[in-house]
N, C-alpha and C. Protein backbone atom coordinates (compact mmCIF):
# COMPACT_ATOMS: atom_id res chain seq x y z
N MET A 1 -2.98 2.61 6.00
CA MET A 1 -3.61 3.67 5.24
C MET A 1 -5.09 3.70 5.64
N SER A 2 -5.56 4.88 5.92
CA SER A 2 -6.97 5.03 6.31
C SER A 2 -7.86 4.95 5.07
N PRO A 3 -9.14 4.67 5.28
CA PRO A 3 -10.07 4.66 4.13
C PRO A 3 -10.12 6.00 3.41
N GLU A 4 -10.01 7.09 4.16
CA GLU A 4 -10.03 8.42 3.55
C GLU A 4 -8.80 8.63 2.67
N GLN A 5 -7.66 8.17 3.16
CA GLN A 5 -6.43 8.31 2.38
C GLN A 5 -6.50 7.47 1.11
N LEU A 6 -7.09 6.29 1.20
CA LEU A 6 -7.22 5.44 0.03
C LEU A 6 -8.12 6.09 -1.02
N VAL A 7 -9.22 6.69 -0.59
CA VAL A 7 -10.12 7.38 -1.53
C VAL A 7 -9.38 8.52 -2.22
N LYS A 8 -8.65 9.31 -1.43
CA LYS A 8 -7.91 10.44 -2.00
C LYS A 8 -6.84 9.95 -2.98
N LEU A 9 -6.15 8.88 -2.61
CA LEU A 9 -5.11 8.33 -3.48
C LEU A 9 -5.72 7.84 -4.80
N ASN A 10 -6.87 7.18 -4.72
CA ASN A 10 -7.54 6.70 -5.94
C ASN A 10 -7.96 7.86 -6.84
N LYS A 11 -8.48 8.94 -6.25
CA LYS A 11 -8.89 10.10 -7.04
C LYS A 11 -7.69 10.75 -7.72
N LEU A 12 -6.60 10.91 -6.96
CA LEU A 12 -5.40 11.50 -7.54
C LEU A 12 -4.82 10.60 -8.63
N SER A 13 -4.83 9.31 -8.38
CA SER A 13 -4.32 8.36 -9.36
C SER A 13 -5.08 8.48 -10.68
N GLN A 14 -6.38 8.62 -10.59
CA GLN A 14 -7.20 8.76 -11.78
C GLN A 14 -6.82 10.01 -12.58
N LEU A 15 -6.60 11.11 -11.88
CA LEU A 15 -6.21 12.35 -12.54
C LEU A 15 -4.87 12.19 -13.27
N PHE A 16 -3.93 11.49 -12.62
CA PHE A 16 -2.63 11.27 -13.26
C PHE A 16 -2.77 10.36 -14.47
N GLU A 17 -3.58 9.32 -14.36
CA GLU A 17 -3.80 8.41 -15.48
C GLU A 17 -4.41 9.13 -16.68
N GLU A 18 -5.30 10.08 -16.40
CA GLU A 18 -5.96 10.83 -17.47
C GLU A 18 -5.07 11.93 -18.03
N GLY A 19 -3.95 12.18 -17.37
CA GLY A 19 -3.03 13.20 -17.84
C GLY A 19 -3.47 14.62 -17.55
N VAL A 20 -4.37 14.78 -16.58
CA VAL A 20 -4.89 16.12 -16.28
C VAL A 20 -4.42 16.65 -14.93
N ALA A 21 -3.55 15.91 -14.25
CA ALA A 21 -3.04 16.37 -12.96
C ALA A 21 -2.10 17.55 -13.16
N GLY A 22 -2.24 18.53 -12.29
CA GLY A 22 -1.39 19.71 -12.35
C GLY A 22 -0.54 19.83 -11.09
N ALA A 23 0.01 21.01 -10.91
CA ALA A 23 0.90 21.26 -9.78
C ALA A 23 0.20 21.02 -8.44
N GLU A 24 -1.06 21.41 -8.34
CA GLU A 24 -1.79 21.23 -7.07
C GLU A 24 -1.96 19.74 -6.74
N GLN A 25 -2.23 18.93 -7.75
CA GLN A 25 -2.40 17.50 -7.51
C GLN A 25 -1.06 16.84 -7.17
N ILE A 26 0.00 17.32 -7.76
CA ILE A 26 1.33 16.80 -7.42
C ILE A 26 1.63 17.10 -5.96
N LYS A 27 1.31 18.32 -5.54
CA LYS A 27 1.51 18.69 -4.13
C LYS A 27 0.65 17.83 -3.22
N GLU A 28 -0.62 17.62 -3.57
CA GLU A 28 -1.51 16.79 -2.76
C GLU A 28 -0.98 15.36 -2.65
N LEU A 29 -0.51 14.81 -3.77
CA LEU A 29 0.01 13.45 -3.77
C LEU A 29 1.25 13.36 -2.89
N SER A 30 2.13 14.33 -2.99
CA SER A 30 3.33 14.35 -2.17
C SER A 30 2.99 14.38 -0.68
N GLU A 31 2.04 15.24 -0.31
CA GLU A 31 1.63 15.34 1.08
C GLU A 31 0.97 14.06 1.57
N LEU A 32 0.13 13.48 0.73
CA LEU A 32 -0.56 12.24 1.08
C LEU A 32 0.44 11.11 1.29
N LEU A 33 1.38 10.97 0.37
CA LEU A 33 2.38 9.91 0.51
C LEU A 33 3.25 10.12 1.74
N SER A 34 3.53 11.37 2.07
CA SER A 34 4.29 11.68 3.27
C SER A 34 3.53 11.24 4.52
N GLU A 35 2.23 11.53 4.55
CA GLU A 35 1.39 11.11 5.68
C GLU A 35 1.38 9.59 5.80
N ILE A 36 1.18 8.92 4.68
CA ILE A 36 1.11 7.46 4.69
C ILE A 36 2.43 6.87 5.16
N ASN A 37 3.55 7.37 4.64
CA ASN A 37 4.86 6.87 5.03
C ASN A 37 5.15 7.15 6.49
N HIS A 38 4.74 8.30 6.99
CA HIS A 38 4.96 8.65 8.39
C HIS A 38 4.21 7.67 9.29
N LEU A 39 2.97 7.38 8.97
CA LEU A 39 2.19 6.43 9.78
C LEU A 39 2.80 5.04 9.71
N HIS A 40 3.27 4.68 8.53
CA HIS A 40 3.85 3.36 8.34
C HIS A 40 5.13 3.19 9.14
N GLU A 41 5.89 4.26 9.34
CA GLU A 41 7.19 4.18 10.01
C GLU A 41 7.10 4.45 11.50
N ASP A 42 5.95 4.88 12.02
CA ASP A 42 5.82 5.24 13.43
C ASP A 42 5.73 3.96 14.28
N PRO A 43 6.76 3.66 15.09
CA PRO A 43 6.77 2.41 15.85
C PRO A 43 5.59 2.29 16.83
N LEU A 44 5.20 3.39 17.46
CA LEU A 44 4.09 3.34 18.40
C LEU A 44 2.80 2.96 17.69
N LEU A 45 2.53 3.61 16.58
CA LEU A 45 1.32 3.28 15.83
C LEU A 45 1.38 1.86 15.29
N ASN A 46 2.54 1.44 14.85
CA ASN A 46 2.68 0.08 14.33
C ASN A 46 2.46 -0.97 15.41
N SER A 47 2.85 -0.66 16.65
CA SER A 47 2.64 -1.62 17.72
C SER A 47 1.17 -1.70 18.12
N ILE A 48 0.44 -0.61 17.91
CA ILE A 48 -0.99 -0.60 18.23
C ILE A 48 -1.79 -1.20 17.09
N SER A 49 -1.46 -0.81 15.86
CA SER A 49 -2.20 -1.25 14.68
C SER A 49 -1.23 -1.58 13.57
N PRO A 50 -0.69 -2.79 13.58
CA PRO A 50 0.31 -3.14 12.55
C PRO A 50 -0.24 -3.06 11.14
N THR A 51 0.59 -2.56 10.23
CA THR A 51 0.19 -2.46 8.83
C THR A 51 0.82 -3.56 8.01
N ARG A 52 1.66 -4.35 8.62
CA ARG A 52 2.33 -5.44 7.88
C ARG A 52 1.79 -6.77 8.31
């Protein structure tokens, strides 16, 4: 996970914790998690920069 992704995840997490997240934040979270999972599962990227 990149530093930018971590910042975005923390901001979205805060909105959900406060109970003020709406449809747009749900969409953003879904897209962000998809990006993170894609990077995590990419064998080429994992061989260059392992996340585990």
